[in-house]
Amino acid sequence: MDTKELIIKELEETSQAVLDEVLDFLQFLKAKKQQEQLEHQEDLEAIRTAREDVESEGTVSWDLLKQELDL
């Protein structure tokens, strides 16, 4: 059995109260993952912007780079 099948088997034997908690936790995990992906995407965009600045200006100050990367 794979993980999904094992989870489904367990869910079939679980009370409604526990199912409500499981659903809440699953939704929390999904939202957390989406937030992490969004933050990762924002980091990549900041790096792209800093790289473009270096390419157009030839260099970029350390302070500007830290500011672009929110460090």
PDB file of N, CA and C in Angstrom:
ATOM      1  N   MET A   1       0.843  -1.193   0.000  1.00  0.00           N
ATOM      2  CA  MET A   1       0.000   0.000   0.000  1.00  0.00           C
ATOM      3  C   MET A   1       0.883   1.249   0.000  1.00  0.00           C
ATOM      4  N   ASP A   2       0.485   2.235  -0.784  1.00  0.00           N
ATOM      5  CA  ASP A   2       1.219   3.494  -0.747  1.00  0.00           C
ATOM      6  C   ASP A   2       0.659   4.393   0.355  1.00  0.00           C
ATOM      7  N   THR A   3       1.305   5.501   0.548  1.00  0.00           N
ATOM      8  CA  THR A   3       0.943   6.406   1.648  1.00  0.00           C
ATOM      9  C   THR A   3      -0.511   6.863   1.555  1.00  0.00           C
ATOM     10  N   LYS A   4      -0.951   7.229   0.361  1.00  0.00           N
ATOM     11  CA  LYS A   4      -2.320   7.722   0.194  1.00  0.00           C
ATOM     12  C   LYS A   4      -3.329   6.645   0.589  1.00  0.00           C
ATOM     13  N   GLU A   5      -3.088   5.420   0.181  1.00  0.00           N
ATOM     14  CA  GLU A   5      -3.995   4.323   0.519  1.00  0.00           C
ATOM     15  C   GLU A   5      -4.021   4.075   2.024  1.00  0.00           C
ATOM     16  N   LEU A   6      -2.868   4.166   2.667  1.00  0.00           N
ATOM     17  CA  LEU A   6      -2.805   3.979   4.120  1.00  0.00           C
ATOM     18  C   LEU A   6      -3.571   5.081   4.844  1.00  0.00           C
ATOM     19  N   ILE A   7      -3.430   6.307   4.354  1.00  0.00           N
ATOM     20  CA  ILE A   7      -4.155   7.430   4.969  1.00  0.00           C
ATOM     21  C   ILE A   7      -5.658   7.238   4.809  1.00  0.00           C
ATOM     22  N   ILE A   8      -6.077   6.862   3.621  1.00  0.00           N
ATOM     23  CA  ILE A   8      -7.507   6.646   3.379  1.00  0.00           C
ATOM     24  C   ILE A   8      -8.040   5.546   4.291  1.00  0.00           C
ATOM     25  N   LYS A   9      -7.297   4.463   4.448  1.00  0.00           N
ATOM     26  CA  LYS A   9      -7.709   3.360   5.340  1.00  0.00           C
ATOM     27  C   LYS A   9      -7.869   3.871   6.768  1.00  0.00           C
ATOM     28  N   GLU A  10      -6.908   4.658   7.228  1.00  0.00           N
ATOM     29  CA  GLU A  10      -6.987   5.210   8.590  1.00  0.00           C
ATOM     30  C   GLU A  10      -8.182   6.150   8.722  1.00  0.00           C
ATOM     31  N   LEU A  11      -8.424   6.970   7.699  1.00  0.00           N
ATOM     32  CA  LEU A  11      -9.533   7.922   7.747  1.00  0.00           C
ATOM     33  C   LEU A  11     -10.876   7.210   7.863  1.00  0.00           C
ATOM     34  N   GLU A  12     -10.988   6.083   7.199  1.00  0.00           N
ATOM     35  CA  GLU A  12     -12.241   5.328   7.239  1.00  0.00           C
ATOM     36  C   GLU A  12     -12.550   4.804   8.638  1.00  0.00           C
ATOM     37  N   GLU A  13     -11.541   4.699   9.468  1.00  0.00           N
ATOM     38  CA  GLU A  13     -11.718   4.165  10.819  1.00  0.00           C
ATOM     39  C   GLU A  13     -11.625   5.250  11.896  1.00  0.00           C
ATOM     40  N   THR A  14     -11.767   6.495  11.483  1.00  0.00           N
ATOM     41  CA  THR A  14     -11.542   7.618  12.395  1.00  0.00           C
ATOM     42  C   THR A  14     -12.849   8.356  12.678  1.00  0.00           C
ATOM     43  N   SER A  15     -12.967   8.867  13.899  1.00  0.00           N
ATOM     44  CA  SER A  15     -14.172   9.609  14.293  1.00  0.00           C
ATOM     45  C   SER A  15     -14.249  10.958  13.569  1.00  0.00           C
ATOM     46  N   GLN A  16     -15.458  11.511  13.537  1.00  0.00           N
ATOM     47  CA  GLN A  16     -15.676  12.797  12.869  1.00  0.00           C
ATOM     48  C   GLN A  16     -14.856  13.908  13.524  1.00  0.00           C
ATOM     49  N   ALA A  17     -14.756  13.876  14.847  1.00  0.00           N
ATOM     50  CA  ALA A  17     -13.996  14.916  15.554  1.00  0.00           C
ATOM     51  C   ALA A  17     -12.528  14.909  15.120  1.00  0.00           C
ATOM     52  N   VAL A  18     -11.959  13.721  15.012  1.00  0.00           N
ATOM     53  CA  VAL A  18     -10.564  13.621  14.576  1.00  0.00           C
ATOM     54  C   VAL A  18     -10.446  14.017  13.104  1.00  0.00           C
ATOM     55  N   LEU A  19     -11.413  13.627  12.289  1.00  0.00           N
ATOM     56  CA  LEU A  19     -11.400  14.009  10.871  1.00  0.00           C
ATOM     57  C   LEU A  19     -11.396  15.534  10.713  1.00  0.00           C
ATOM     58  N   ASP A  20     -12.158  16.218  11.546  1.00  0.00           N
ATOM     59  CA  ASP A  20     -12.183  17.681  11.501  1.00  0.00           C
ATOM     60  C   ASP A  20     -10.799  18.248  11.790  1.00  0.00           C
ATOM     61  N   GLU A  21     -10.120  17.669  12.785  1.00  0.00           N
ATOM     62  CA  GLU A  21      -8.764  18.125  13.112  1.00  0.00           C
ATOM     63  C   GLU A  21      -7.778  17.804  11.993  1.00  0.00           C
ATOM     64  N   VAL A  22      -7.921  16.634  11.411  1.00  0.00           N
ATOM     65  CA  VAL A  22      -7.043  16.235  10.307  1.00  0.00           C
ATOM     66  C   VAL A  22      -7.222  17.187   9.127  1.00  0.00           C
ATOM     67  N   LEU A  23      -8.466  17.504   8.813  1.00  0.00           N
ATOM     68  CA  LEU A  23      -8.733  18.431   7.719  1.00  0.00           C
ATOM     69  C   LEU A  23      -8.105  19.796   7.999  1.00  0.00           C
ATOM     70  N   ASP A  24      -8.278  20.286   9.205  1.00  0.00           N
ATOM     71  CA  ASP A  24      -7.697  21.573   9.584  1.00  0.00           C
ATOM     72  C   ASP A  24      -6.173  21.540   9.432  1.00  0.00           C
ATOM     73  N   PHE A  25      -5.555  20.461   9.894  1.00  0.00           N
ATOM     74  CA  PHE A  25      -4.103  20.334   9.810  1.00  0.00           C
ATOM     75  C   PHE A  25      -3.641  20.234   8.354  1.00  0.00           C
ATOM     76  N   LEU A  26      -4.350  19.481   7.543  1.00  0.00           N
ATOM     77  CA  LEU A  26      -4.008  19.354   6.125  1.00  0.00           C
ATOM     78  C   LEU A  26      -4.097  20.703   5.419  1.00  0.00           C
ATOM     79  N   GLN A  27      -5.135  21.453   5.708  1.00  0.00           N
ATOM     80  CA  GLN A  27      -5.273  22.782   5.107  1.00  0.00           C
ATOM     81  C   GLN A  27      -4.153  23.711   5.567  1.00  0.00           C
ATOM     82  N   PHE A  28      -3.764  23.601   6.837  1.00  0.00           N
ATOM     83  CA  PHE A  28      -2.643  24.385   7.354  1.00  0.00           C
ATOM     84  C   PHE A  28      -1.359  24.041   6.605  1.00  0.00           C
ATOM     85  N   LEU A  29      -1.080  22.752   6.428  1.00  0.00           N
ATOM     86  CA  LEU A  29       0.136  22.332   5.732  1.00  0.00           C
ATOM     87  C   LEU A  29       0.158  22.825   4.288  1.00  0.00           C
ATOM     88  N   LYS A  30      -0.977  22.759   3.613  1.00  0.00           N
ATOM     89  CA  LYS A  30      -1.051  23.234   2.228  1.00  0.00           C
ATOM     90  C   LYS A  30      -0.810  24.744   2.152  1.00  0.00           C
ATOM     91  N   ALA A  31      -1.415  25.488   3.074  1.00  0.00           N
ATOM     92  CA  ALA A  31      -1.226  26.942   3.098  1.00  0.00           C
ATOM     93  C   ALA A  31       0.230  27.291   3.394  1.00  0.00           C
ATOM     94  N   LYS A  32       0.843  26.554   4.317  1.00  0.00           N
ATOM     95  CA  LYS A  32       2.247  26.775   4.652  1.00  0.00           C
ATOM     96  C   LYS A  32       3.130  26.533   3.440  1.00  0.00           C
ATOM     97  N   LYS A  33       2.866  25.460   2.707  1.00  0.00           N
ATOM     98  CA  LYS A  33       3.649  25.140   1.508  1.00  0.00           C
ATOM     99  C   LYS A  33       3.487  26.231   0.457  1.00  0.00           C
ATOM    100  N   GLN A  34       2.272  26.727   0.264  1.00  0.00           N
ATOM    101  CA  GLN A  34       2.032  27.801  -0.693  1.00  0.00           C
ATOM    102  C   GLN A  34       2.796  29.059  -0.293  1.00  0.00           C
ATOM    103  N   GLN A  35       2.808  29.374   0.999  1.00  0.00           N
ATOM    104  CA  GLN A  35       3.527  30.545   1.488  1.00  0.00           C
ATOM    105  C   GLN A  35       5.024  30.397   1.245  1.00  0.00           C
ATOM    106  N   GLU A  36       5.556  29.212   1.499  1.00  0.00           N
ATOM    107  CA  GLU A  36       6.979  28.960   1.263  1.00  0.00           C
ATOM    108  C   GLU A  36       7.317  29.119  -0.216  1.00  0.00           C
ATOM    109  N   GLN A  37       6.445  28.629  -1.090  1.00  0.00           N
ATOM    110  CA  GLN A  37       6.679  28.765  -2.526  1.00  0.00           C
ATOM    111  C   GLN A  37       6.632  30.232  -2.951  1.00  0.00           C
ATOM    112  N   LEU A  38       5.704  30.984  -2.391  1.00  0.00           N
ATOM    113  CA  LEU A  38       5.605  32.410  -2.693  1.00  0.00           C
ATOM    114  C   LEU A  38       6.862  33.139  -2.241  1.00  0.00           C
ATOM    115  N   GLU A  39       7.333  32.842  -1.033  1.00  0.00           N
ATOM    116  CA  GLU A  39       8.552  33.478  -0.533  1.00  0.00           C
ATOM    117  C   GLU A  39       9.753  33.108  -1.389  1.00  0.00           C
ATOM    118  N   HIS A  40       9.815  31.860  -1.821  1.00  0.00           N
ATOM    119  CA  HIS A  40      10.907  31.422  -2.691  1.00  0.00           C
ATOM    120  C   HIS A  40      10.859  32.188  -4.014  1.00  0.00           C
ATOM    121  N   GLN A  41       9.668  32.349  -4.561  1.00  0.00           N
ATOM    122  CA  GLN A  41       9.505  33.086  -5.820  1.00  0.00           C
ATOM    123  C   GLN A  41       9.925  34.547  -5.646  1.00  0.00           C
ATOM    124  N   GLU A  42       9.574  35.149  -4.515  1.00  0.00           N
ATOM    125  CA  GLU A  42       9.967  36.537  -4.249  1.00  0.00           C
ATOM    126  C   GLU A  42      11.484  36.648  -4.132  1.00  0.00           C
ATOM    127  N   ASP A  43      12.119  35.661  -3.490  1.00  0.00           N
ATOM    128  CA  ASP A  43      13.578  35.657  -3.384  1.00  0.00           C
ATOM    129  C   ASP A  43      14.225  35.573  -4.768  1.00  0.00           C
ATOM    130  N   LEU A  44      13.691  34.706  -5.616  1.00  0.00           N
ATOM    131  CA  LEU A  44      14.233  34.577  -6.969  1.00  0.00           C
ATOM    132  C   LEU A  44      14.096  35.884  -7.756  1.00  0.00           C
ATOM    133  N   GLU A  45      12.973  36.543  -7.577  1.00  0.00           N
ATOM    134  CA  GLU A  45      12.764  37.821  -8.274  1.00  0.00           C
ATOM    135  C   GLU A  45      13.754  38.872  -7.782  1.00  0.00           C
ATOM    136  N   ALA A  46      14.009  38.906  -6.482  1.00  0.00           N
ATOM    137  CA  ALA A  46      14.982  39.852  -5.935  1.00  0.00           C
ATOM    138  C   ALA A  46      16.381  39.559  -6.481  1.00  0.00           C
ATOM    139  N   ILE A  47      16.722  38.299  -6.609  1.00  0.00           N
ATOM    140  CA  ILE A  47      18.027  37.930  -7.166  1.00  0.00           C
ATOM    141  C   ILE A  47      18.112  38.345  -8.627  1.00  0.00           C
ATOM    142  N   ARG A  48      17.047  38.126  -9.387  1.00  0.00           N
ATOM    143  CA  ARG A  48      17.030  38.539 -10.805  1.00  0.00           C
ATOM    144  C   ARG A  48      17.229  40.050 -10.923  1.00  0.00           C
ATOM    145  N   THR A  49      16.546  40.799 -10.078  1.00  0.00           N
ATOM    146  CA  THR A  49      16.664  42.257 -10.112  1.00  0.00           C
ATOM    147  C   THR A  49      18.095  42.688  -9.803  1.00  0.00           C
ATOM    148  N   ALA A  50      18.690  42.079  -8.786  1.00  0.00           N
ATOM    149  CA  ALA A  50      20.067  42.408  -8.433  1.00  0.00           C
ATOM    150  C   ALA A  50      21.010  42.053  -9.575  1.00  0.00           C
ATOM    151  N   ARG A  51      20.785  40.921 -10.201  1.00  0.00           N
ATOM    152  CA  ARG A  51      21.625  40.502 -11.335  1.00  0.00           C
ATOM    153  C   ARG A  51      21.500  41.478 -12.496  1.00  0.00           C
ATOM    154  N   GLU A  52      20.279  41.924 -12.775  1.00  0.00           N
ATOM    155  CA  GLU A  52      20.067  42.904 -13.848  1.00  0.00           C
ATOM    156  C   GLU A  52      20.802  44.207 -13.536  1.00  0.00           C
ATOM    157  N   ASP A  53      20.789  44.614 -12.273  1.00  0.00           N
ATOM    158  CA  ASP A  53      21.509  45.825 -11.875  1.00  0.00           C
ATOM    159  C   ASP A  53      23.005  45.665 -12.120  1.00  0.00           C
ATOM    160  N   VAL A  54      23.537  44.510 -11.771  1.00  0.00           N
ATOM    161  CA  VAL A  54      24.968  44.255 -11.984  1.00  0.00           C
ATOM    162  C   VAL A  54      25.286  44.280 -13.474  1.00  0.00           C
ATOM    163  N   GLU A  55      24.424  43.655 -14.283  1.00  0.00           N
ATOM    164  CA  GLU A  55      24.671  43.617 -15.727  1.00  0.00           C
ATOM    165  C   GLU A  55      24.587  45.002 -16.347  1.00  0.00           C
ATOM    166  N   SER A  56      23.654  45.818 -15.887  1.00  0.00           N
ATOM    167  CA  SER A  56      23.493  47.144 -16.500  1.00  0.00           C
ATOM    168  C   SER A  56      24.489  48.165 -15.950  1.00  0.00           C
ATOM    169  N   GLU A  57      24.869  48.031 -14.682  1.00  0.00           N
ATOM    170  CA  GLU A  57      25.759  49.008 -14.064  1.00  0.00           C
ATOM    171  C   GLU A  57      27.189  48.502 -13.948  1.00  0.00           C
ATOM    172  N   GLY A  58      27.391  47.216 -14.177  1.00  0.00           N
ATOM    173  CA  GLY A  58      28.728  46.656 -14.062  1.00  0.00           C
ATOM    174  C   GLY A  58      29.057  46.203 -12.657  1.00  0.00           C
ATOM    175  N   THR A  59      28.392  46.779 -11.696  1.00  0.00           N
ATOM    176  CA  THR A  59      28.588  46.376 -10.296  1.00  0.00           C
ATOM    177  C   THR A  59      27.410  46.892  -9.491  1.00  0.00           C
ATOM    178  N   VAL A  60      27.322  46.432  -8.295  1.00  0.00           N
ATOM    179  CA  VAL A  60      26.272  46.904  -7.409  1.00  0.00           C
ATOM    180  C   VAL A  60      26.857  46.919  -5.997  1.00  0.00           C
ATOM    181  N   SER A  61      26.466  47.895  -5.223  1.00  0.00           N
ATOM    182  CA  SER A  61      27.010  47.998  -3.871  1.00  0.00           C
ATOM    183  C   SER A  61      26.464  46.879  -2.989  1.00  0.00           C
ATOM    184  N   TRP A  62      27.235  46.516  -2.001  1.00  0.00           N
ATOM    185  CA  TRP A  62      26.821  45.474  -1.062  1.00  0.00           C
ATOM    186  C   TRP A  62      25.532  45.874  -0.353  1.00  0.00           C
ATOM    187  N   ASP A  63      25.410  47.129   0.031  1.00  0.00           N
ATOM    188  CA  ASP A  63      24.209  47.605   0.712  1.00  0.00           C
ATOM    189  C   ASP A  63      22.982  47.489  -0.180  1.00  0.00           C
ATOM    190  N   LEU A  64      23.145  47.833  -1.471  1.00  0.00           N
ATOM    191  CA  LEU A  64      22.017  47.725  -2.398  1.00  0.00           C
ATOM    192  C   LEU A  64      21.627  46.267  -2.600  1.00  0.00           C
ATOM    193  N   LEU A  65      22.628  45.404  -2.707  1.00  0.00           N
ATOM    194  CA  LEU A  65      22.354  43.975  -2.876  1.00  0.00           C
ATOM    195  C   LEU A  65      21.592  43.433  -1.661  1.00  0.00           C
ATOM    196  N   LYS A  66      22.034  43.794  -0.464  1.00  0.00           N
ATOM    197  CA  LYS A  66      21.342  43.344   0.740  1.00  0.00           C
ATOM    198  C   LYS A  66      19.919  43.893   0.774  1.00  0.00           C
ATOM    199  N   GLN A  67      19.741  45.121   0.336  1.00  0.00           N
ATOM    200  CA  GLN A  67      18.415  45.717   0.325  1.00  0.00           C
ATOM    201  C   GLN A  67      17.514  44.987  -0.670  1.00  0.00           C
ATOM    202  N   GLU A  68      18.033  44.675  -1.851  1.00  0.00           N
ATOM    203  CA  GLU A  68      17.263  43.966  -2.862  1.00  0.00           C
ATOM    204  C   GLU A  68      16.835  42.584  -2.378  1.00  0.00           C
ATOM    205  N   LEU A  69      17.696  41.953  -1.576  1.00  0.00           N
ATOM    206  CA  LEU A  69      17.430  40.604  -1.081  1.00  0.00           C
ATOM    207  C   LEU A  69      16.749  40.598   0.282  1.00  0.00           C
ATOM    208  N   ASP A  70      16.410  41.794   0.779  1.00  0.00           N
ATOM    209  CA  ASP A  70      15.772  41.924   2.089  1.00  0.00           C
ATOM    210  C   ASP A  70      16.584  41.262   3.197  1.00  0.00           C
ATOM    211  N   LEU A  71      17.883  41.502   3.194  1.00  0.00           N
ATOM    212  CA  LEU A  71      18.752  40.933   4.225  1.00  0.00           C
ATOM    213  C   LEU A  71      19.041  41.961   5.297  1.00  0.00           C
TER     214      LEU A  71
END
